[in-house]
């Protein structure tokens, strides 16, 4: 994965798994529109959300979080 934001990484994982935003939303317990907001980087996740969602999506949490930490360091 080459994307550097949580939203882009989430989109890549979702598409790799051939899932819609609604399907991911049902899996993690939110509306599909919320997944869209995360994918567009309108909402930034907590580490708890990243960890929880990665378990449900069956991918390492670092896959979703890795480059996200660069974003947070730039904004602090």
PDB file of N, CA and C in Angstrom:
ATOM      1  N   UNK A   1       0.834  -1.187   0.000  1.00  0.00           N
ATOM      2  CA  UNK A   1       0.000   0.000   0.000  1.00  0.00           C
ATOM      3  C   UNK A   1       0.876   1.247   0.000  1.00  0.00           C
ATOM      4  N   UNK A   2       0.535   2.175  -0.852  1.00  0.00           N
ATOM      5  CA  UNK A   2       1.334   3.379  -0.979  1.00  0.00           C
ATOM      6  C   UNK A   2       0.615   4.615  -0.471  1.00  0.00           C
ATOM      7  N   UNK A   3      -0.631   4.500  -0.124  1.00  0.00           N
ATOM      8  CA  UNK A   3      -1.404   5.659   0.309  1.00  0.00           C
ATOM      9  C   UNK A   3      -0.935   6.123   1.678  1.00  0.00           C
ATOM     10  N   UNK A   4      -1.060   7.427   1.917  1.00  0.00           N
ATOM     11  CA  UNK A   4      -0.544   7.952   3.161  1.00  0.00           C
ATOM     12  C   UNK A   4      -1.598   8.506   4.099  1.00  0.00           C
ATOM     13  N   UNK A   5      -2.843   8.215   3.875  1.00  0.00           N
ATOM     14  CA  UNK A   5      -3.878   8.646   4.816  1.00  0.00           C
ATOM     15  C   UNK A   5      -4.723   7.437   5.198  1.00  0.00           C
ATOM     16  N   UNK A   6      -5.326   7.540   6.368  1.00  0.00           N
ATOM     17  CA  UNK A   6      -6.195   6.464   6.827  1.00  0.00           C
ATOM     18  C   UNK A   6      -7.298   6.205   5.807  1.00  0.00           C
ATOM     19  N   UNK A   7      -7.906   7.278   5.307  1.00  0.00           N
ATOM     20  CA  UNK A   7      -9.020   7.134   4.371  1.00  0.00           C
ATOM     21  C   UNK A   7      -8.639   6.383   3.113  1.00  0.00           C
ATOM     22  N   UNK A   8      -7.500   6.724   2.548  1.00  0.00           N
ATOM     23  CA  UNK A   8      -7.039   6.040   1.337  1.00  0.00           C
ATOM     24  C   UNK A   8      -6.697   4.585   1.625  1.00  0.00           C
ATOM     25  N   UNK A   9      -6.096   4.339   2.776  1.00  0.00           N
ATOM     26  CA  UNK A   9      -5.756   2.957   3.148  1.00  0.00           C
ATOM     27  C   UNK A   9      -7.028   2.142   3.402  1.00  0.00           C
ATOM     28  N   UNK A  10      -8.004   2.741   4.068  1.00  0.00           N
ATOM     29  CA  UNK A  10      -9.277   2.055   4.304  1.00  0.00           C
ATOM     30  C   UNK A  10      -9.941   1.723   2.977  1.00  0.00           C
ATOM     31  N   UNK A  11      -9.932   2.663   2.048  1.00  0.00           N
ATOM     32  CA  UNK A  11     -10.506   2.436   0.722  1.00  0.00           C
ATOM     33  C   UNK A  11      -9.804   1.270   0.034  1.00  0.00           C
ATOM     34  N   UNK A  12      -8.481   1.246   0.097  1.00  0.00           N
ATOM     35  CA  UNK A  12      -7.727   0.164  -0.544  1.00  0.00           C
ATOM     36  C   UNK A  12      -8.062  -1.193   0.070  1.00  0.00           C
ATOM     37  N   UNK A  13      -8.121  -1.256   1.401  1.00  0.00           N
ATOM     38  CA  UNK A  13      -8.454  -2.519   2.068  1.00  0.00           C
ATOM     39  C   UNK A  13      -9.860  -2.955   1.668  1.00  0.00           C
ATOM     40  N   UNK A  14     -10.797  -2.012   1.695  1.00  0.00           N
ATOM     41  CA  UNK A  14     -12.192  -2.338   1.343  1.00  0.00           C
ATOM     42  C   UNK A  14     -12.286  -2.868  -0.084  1.00  0.00           C
ATOM     43  N   UNK A  15     -11.622  -2.184  -1.013  1.00  0.00           N
ATOM     44  CA  UNK A  15     -11.673  -2.614  -2.414  1.00  0.00           C
ATOM     45  C   UNK A  15     -10.954  -3.943  -2.625  1.00  0.00           C
ATOM     46  N   UNK A  16      -9.842  -4.160  -1.925  1.00  0.00           N
ATOM     47  CA  UNK A  16      -9.146  -5.445  -2.011  1.00  0.00           C
ATOM     48  C   UNK A  16     -10.049  -6.583  -1.570  1.00  0.00           C
ATOM     49  N   UNK A  17     -10.915  -6.299  -0.608  1.00  0.00           N
ATOM     50  CA  UNK A  17     -11.839  -7.319  -0.097  1.00  0.00           C
ATOM     51  C   UNK A  17     -13.147  -7.344  -0.878  1.00  0.00           C
ATOM     52  N   UNK A  18     -13.223  -6.485  -1.919  1.00  0.00           N
ATOM     53  CA  UNK A  18     -14.410  -6.422  -2.781  1.00  0.00           C
ATOM     54  C   UNK A  18     -15.683  -6.173  -1.970  1.00  0.00           C
ATOM     55  N   UNK A  19     -15.594  -5.189  -1.073  1.00  0.00           N
ATOM     56  CA  UNK A  19     -16.726  -4.838  -0.217  1.00  0.00           C
ATOM     57  C   UNK A  19     -17.182  -3.414  -0.538  1.00  0.00           C
ATOM     58  N   UNK A  20     -18.471  -3.173  -0.368  1.00  0.00           N
ATOM     59  CA  UNK A  20     -19.009  -1.827  -0.525  1.00  0.00           C
ATOM     60  C   UNK A  20     -18.852  -1.079   0.807  1.00  0.00           C
ATOM     61  N   UNK A  21     -19.055   0.229   0.765  1.00  0.00           N
ATOM     62  CA  UNK A  21     -19.026   1.013   2.001  1.00  0.00           C
ATOM     63  C   UNK A  21     -20.123   0.544   2.949  1.00  0.00           C
ATOM     64  N   UNK A  22     -21.283   0.210   2.405  1.00  0.00           N
ATOM     65  CA  UNK A  22     -22.381  -0.285   3.239  1.00  0.00           C
ATOM     66  C   UNK A  22     -22.024  -1.601   3.911  1.00  0.00           C
ATOM     67  N   UNK A  23     -21.358  -2.493   3.181  1.00  0.00           N
ATOM     68  CA  UNK A  23     -20.965  -3.784   3.758  1.00  0.00           C
ATOM     69  C   UNK A  23     -19.955  -3.593   4.887  1.00  0.00           C
ATOM     70  N   UNK A  24     -18.986  -2.718   4.678  1.00  0.00           N
ATOM     71  CA  UNK A  24     -18.014  -2.440   5.737  1.00  0.00           C
ATOM     72  C   UNK A  24     -18.714  -1.790   6.920  1.00  0.00           C
ATOM     73  N   UNK A  25     -19.614  -0.858   6.638  1.00  0.00           N
ATOM     74  CA  UNK A  25     -20.370  -0.211   7.703  1.00  0.00           C
ATOM     75  C   UNK A  25     -21.129  -1.208   8.562  1.00  0.00           C
ATOM     76  N   UNK A  26     -21.814  -2.145   7.927  1.00  0.00           N
ATOM     77  CA  UNK A  26     -22.547  -3.173   8.680  1.00  0.00           C
ATOM     78  C   UNK A  26     -21.588  -4.003   9.519  1.00  0.00           C
ATOM     79  N   UNK A  27     -20.443  -4.330   8.955  1.00  0.00           N
ATOM     80  CA  UNK A  27     -19.450  -5.149   9.659  1.00  0.00           C
ATOM     81  C   UNK A  27     -18.939  -4.450  10.914  1.00  0.00           C
ATOM     82  N   UNK A  28     -18.666  -3.150  10.805  1.00  0.00           N
ATOM     83  CA  UNK A  28     -18.081  -2.428  11.943  1.00  0.00           C
ATOM     84  C   UNK A  28     -19.118  -1.700  12.797  1.00  0.00           C
ATOM     85  N   UNK A  29     -20.383  -1.714  12.367  1.00  0.00           N
ATOM     86  CA  UNK A  29     -21.450  -1.155  13.185  1.00  0.00           C
ATOM     87  C   UNK A  29     -21.749   0.317  12.982  1.00  0.00           C
ATOM     88  N   UNK A  30     -21.491   0.818  11.763  1.00  0.00           N
ATOM     89  CA  UNK A  30     -21.843   2.197  11.439  1.00  0.00           C
ATOM     90  C   UNK A  30     -22.526   2.217  10.075  1.00  0.00           C
ATOM     91  N   UNK A  31     -23.132   3.342   9.736  1.00  0.00           N
ATOM     92  CA  UNK A  31     -23.775   3.485   8.436  1.00  0.00           C
ATOM     93  C   UNK A  31     -22.699   3.595   7.353  1.00  0.00           C
ATOM     94  N   UNK A  32     -22.992   3.142   6.166  1.00  0.00           N
ATOM     95  CA  UNK A  32     -22.050   3.216   5.056  1.00  0.00           C
ATOM     96  C   UNK A  32     -21.572   4.626   4.761  1.00  0.00           C
ATOM     97  N   UNK A  33     -22.439   5.615   5.008  1.00  0.00           N
ATOM     98  CA  UNK A  33     -22.057   7.013   4.786  1.00  0.00           C
ATOM     99  C   UNK A  33     -20.912   7.428   5.713  1.00  0.00           C
ATOM    100  N   UNK A  34     -20.864   6.848   6.885  1.00  0.00           N
ATOM    101  CA  UNK A  34     -19.781   7.142   7.829  1.00  0.00           C
ATOM    102  C   UNK A  34     -18.464   6.608   7.277  1.00  0.00           C
ATOM    103  N   UNK A  35     -18.510   5.437   6.679  1.00  0.00           N
ATOM    104  CA  UNK A  35     -17.301   4.875   6.052  1.00  0.00           C
ATOM    105  C   UNK A  35     -16.830   5.830   4.961  1.00  0.00           C
ATOM    106  N   UNK A  36     -17.746   6.368   4.192  1.00  0.00           N
ATOM    107  CA  UNK A  36     -17.403   7.339   3.151  1.00  0.00           C
ATOM    108  C   UNK A  36     -16.706   8.564   3.723  1.00  0.00           C
ATOM    109  N   UNK A  37     -17.160   9.038   4.862  1.00  0.00           N
ATOM    110  CA  UNK A  37     -16.523  10.205   5.498  1.00  0.00           C
ATOM    111  C   UNK A  37     -15.101   9.880   5.926  1.00  0.00           C
ATOM    112  N   UNK A  38     -14.899   8.674   6.453  1.00  0.00           N
ATOM    113  CA  UNK A  38     -13.538   8.260   6.812  1.00  0.00           C
ATOM    114  C   UNK A  38     -12.675   8.146   5.558  1.00  0.00           C
ATOM    115  N   UNK A  39     -13.221   7.560   4.514  1.00  0.00           N
ATOM    116  CA  UNK A  39     -12.446   7.372   3.282  1.00  0.00           C
ATOM    117  C   UNK A  39     -12.065   8.699   2.634  1.00  0.00           C
ATOM    118  N   UNK A  40     -12.885   9.708   2.795  1.00  0.00           N
ATOM    119  CA  UNK A  40     -12.572  11.043   2.248  1.00  0.00           C
ATOM    120  C   UNK A  40     -11.727  11.869   3.217  1.00  0.00           C
ATOM    121  N   UNK A  41     -11.338  11.248   4.326  1.00  0.00           N
ATOM    122  CA  UNK A  41     -10.535  11.907   5.361  1.00  0.00           C
ATOM    123  C   UNK A  41     -11.228  13.116   5.972  1.00  0.00           C
ATOM    124  N   UNK A  42     -12.553  13.074   6.020  1.00  0.00           N
ATOM    125  CA  UNK A  42     -13.323  14.129   6.684  1.00  0.00           C
ATOM    126  C   UNK A  42     -13.333  13.908   8.189  1.00  0.00           C
ATOM    127  N   UNK A  43     -13.105  12.656   8.574  1.00  0.00           N
ATOM    128  CA  UNK A  43     -13.083  12.262   9.981  1.00  0.00           C
ATOM    129  C   UNK A  43     -11.786  11.506  10.215  1.00  0.00           C
ATOM    130  N   UNK A  44     -11.095  11.822  11.303  1.00  0.00           N
ATOM    131  CA  UNK A  44      -9.860  11.127  11.661  1.00  0.00           C
ATOM    132  C   UNK A  44     -10.170  10.104  12.747  1.00  0.00           C
ATOM    133  N   UNK A  45      -9.680   8.885  12.599  1.00  0.00           N
ATOM    134  CA  UNK A  45      -9.989   7.834  13.572  1.00  0.00           C
ATOM    135  C   UNK A  45      -9.084   7.897  14.797  1.00  0.00           C
ATOM    136  N   UNK A  46      -9.586   7.344  15.884  1.00  0.00           N
ATOM    137  CA  UNK A  46      -8.743   7.121  17.054  1.00  0.00           C
ATOM    138  C   UNK A  46      -8.007   5.800  16.831  1.00  0.00           C
ATOM    139  N   UNK A  47      -6.968   5.576  17.581  1.00  0.00           N
ATOM    140  CA  UNK A  47      -6.242   4.309  17.469  1.00  0.00           C
ATOM    141  C   UNK A  47      -7.158   3.145  17.848  1.00  0.00           C
ATOM    142  N   UNK A  48      -8.101   3.380  18.753  1.00  0.00           N
ATOM    143  CA  UNK A  48      -9.039   2.322  19.155  1.00  0.00           C
ATOM    144  C   UNK A  48      -9.918   1.898  17.981  1.00  0.00           C
ATOM    145  N   UNK A  49     -10.378   2.875  17.202  1.00  0.00           N
ATOM    146  CA  UNK A  49     -11.192   2.555  16.023  1.00  0.00           C
ATOM    147  C   UNK A  49     -10.360   1.784  15.014  1.00  0.00           C
ATOM    148  N   UNK A  50      -9.154   2.239  14.766  1.00  0.00           N
ATOM    149  CA  UNK A  50      -8.280   1.552  13.808  1.00  0.00           C
ATOM    150  C   UNK A  50      -8.057   0.109  14.241  1.00  0.00           C
ATOM    151  N   UNK A  51      -7.777  -0.098  15.500  1.00  0.00           N
ATOM    152  CA  UNK A  51      -7.518  -1.450  16.012  1.00  0.00           C
ATOM    153  C   UNK A  51      -8.758  -2.327  15.889  1.00  0.00           C
ATOM    154  N   UNK A  52      -9.895  -1.799  16.301  1.00  0.00           N
ATOM    155  CA  UNK A  52     -11.147  -2.556  16.242  1.00  0.00           C
ATOM    156  C   UNK A  52     -11.533  -2.908  14.802  1.00  0.00           C
ATOM    157  N   UNK A  53     -11.486  -1.916  13.913  1.00  0.00           N
ATOM    158  CA  UNK A  53     -11.872  -2.146  12.525  1.00  0.00           C
ATOM    159  C   UNK A  53     -10.917  -3.097  11.835  1.00  0.00           C
ATOM    160  N   UNK A  54      -9.631  -3.011  12.160  1.00  0.00           N
ATOM    161  CA  UNK A  54      -8.671  -3.910  11.508  1.00  0.00           C
ATOM    162  C   UNK A  54      -8.963  -5.366  11.866  1.00  0.00           C
ATOM    163  N   UNK A  55      -9.388  -5.599  13.105  1.00  0.00           N
ATOM    164  CA  UNK A  55      -9.766  -6.967  13.503  1.00  0.00           C
ATOM    165  C   UNK A  55     -10.951  -7.447  12.669  1.00  0.00           C
ATOM    166  N   UNK A  56     -11.955  -6.592  12.543  1.00  0.00           N
ATOM    167  CA  UNK A  56     -13.160  -6.966  11.803  1.00  0.00           C
ATOM    168  C   UNK A  56     -12.875  -7.136  10.306  1.00  0.00           C
ATOM    169  N   UNK A  57     -11.947  -6.334   9.770  1.00  0.00           N
ATOM    170  CA  UNK A  57     -11.591  -6.429   8.350  1.00  0.00           C
ATOM    171  C   UNK A  57     -10.503  -7.471   8.102  1.00  0.00           C
ATOM    172  N   UNK A  58     -10.023  -8.068   9.192  1.00  0.00           N
ATOM    173  CA  UNK A  58      -8.993  -9.123   9.118  1.00  0.00           C
ATOM    174  C   UNK A  58      -7.744  -8.642   8.383  1.00  0.00           C
ATOM    175  N   UNK A  59      -7.254  -7.496   8.825  1.00  0.00           N
ATOM    176  CA  UNK A  59      -5.993  -6.979   8.309  1.00  0.00           C
ATOM    177  C   UNK A  59      -5.203  -6.428   9.492  1.00  0.00           C
ATOM    178  N   UNK A  60      -3.889  -6.422   9.418  1.00  0.00           N
ATOM    179  CA  UNK A  60      -3.099  -5.882  10.528  1.00  0.00           C
ATOM    180  C   UNK A  60      -3.440  -4.413  10.763  1.00  0.00           C
ATOM    181  N   UNK A  61      -3.572  -4.011  12.014  1.00  0.00           N
ATOM    182  CA  UNK A  61      -3.948  -2.628  12.309  1.00  0.00           C
ATOM    183  C   UNK A  61      -2.935  -1.653  11.744  1.00  0.00           C
ATOM    184  N   UNK A  62      -1.681  -2.062  11.693  1.00  0.00           N
ATOM    185  CA  UNK A  62      -0.643  -1.171  11.184  1.00  0.00           C
ATOM    186  C   UNK A  62      -0.864  -0.861   9.694  1.00  0.00           C
ATOM    187  N   UNK A  63      -1.555  -1.751   8.992  1.00  0.00           N
ATOM    188  CA  UNK A  63      -1.883  -1.519   7.585  1.00  0.00           C
ATOM    189  C   UNK A  63      -2.718  -0.253   7.435  1.00  0.00           C
ATOM    190  N   UNK A  64      -3.648  -0.053   8.352  1.00  0.00           N
ATOM    191  CA  UNK A  64      -4.503   1.135   8.296  1.00  0.00           C
ATOM    192  C   UNK A  64      -3.842   2.349   8.948  1.00  0.00           C
ATOM    193  N   UNK A  65      -3.011   2.131   9.943  1.00  0.00           N
ATOM    194  CA  UNK A  65      -2.489   3.217  10.754  1.00  0.00           C
ATOM    195  C   UNK A  65      -1.121   3.730  10.332  1.00  0.00           C
ATOM    196  N   UNK A  66      -0.282   2.877   9.770  1.00  0.00           N
ATOM    197  CA  UNK A  66       1.149   3.143   9.583  1.00  0.00           C
ATOM    198  C   UNK A  66       1.496   4.565   9.174  1.00  0.00           C
ATOM    199  N   UNK A  67       1.029   4.996   8.042  1.00  0.00           N
ATOM    200  CA  UNK A  67       1.404   6.319   7.573  1.00  0.00           C
ATOM    201  C   UNK A  67       0.527   7.418   8.161  1.00  0.00           C
ATOM    202  N   UNK A  68      -0.551   7.036   8.811  1.00  0.00           N
ATOM    203  CA  UNK A  68      -1.423   8.009   9.460  1.00  0.00           C
ATOM    204  C   UNK A  68      -0.633   8.774  10.523  1.00  0.00           C
ATOM    205  N   UNK A  69       0.319   8.130  11.178  1.00  0.00           N
ATOM    206  CA  UNK A  69       1.060   8.792  12.240  1.00  0.00           C
ATOM    207  C   UNK A  69       1.849   9.978  11.699  1.00  0.00           C
ATOM    208  N   UNK A  70       2.271   9.930  10.456  1.00  0.00           N
ATOM    209  CA  UNK A  70       2.949  11.082   9.865  1.00  0.00           C
ATOM    210  C   UNK A  70       2.018  12.286   9.813  1.00  0.00           C
ATOM    211  N   UNK A  71       0.759  12.036   9.482  1.00  0.00           N
ATOM    212  CA  UNK A  71      -0.225  13.124   9.438  1.00  0.00           C
ATOM    213  C   UNK A  71      -0.349  13.773  10.815  1.00  0.00           C
ATOM    214  N   UNK A  72      -0.496  12.953  11.843  1.00  0.00           N
ATOM    215  CA  UNK A  72      -0.690  13.488  13.177  1.00  0.00           C
ATOM    216  C   UNK A  72       0.530  14.282  13.627  1.00  0.00           C
ATOM    217  N   UNK A  73       1.723  13.826  13.310  1.00  0.00           N
ATOM    218  CA  UNK A  73       2.924  14.544  13.715  1.00  0.00           C
ATOM    219  C   UNK A  73       2.983  15.916  13.044  1.00  0.00           C
ATOM    220  N   UNK A  74       2.526  16.009  11.806  1.00  0.00           N
ATOM    221  CA  UNK A  74       2.541  17.284  11.085  1.00  0.00           C
ATOM    222  C   UNK A  74       1.525  18.266  11.654  1.00  0.00           C
ATOM    223  N   UNK A  75       0.449  17.759  12.213  1.00  0.00           N
ATOM    224  CA  UNK A  75      -0.613  18.652  12.681  1.00  0.00           C
ATOM    225  C   UNK A  75      -0.457  19.037  14.140  1.00  0.00           C
ATOM    226  N   UNK A  76       0.468  18.439  14.844  1.00  0.00           N
ATOM    227  CA  UNK A  76       0.643  18.744  16.272  1.00  0.00           C
ATOM    228  C   UNK A  76       1.534  19.940  16.480  1.00  0.00           C
TER     229      UNK A  76
END
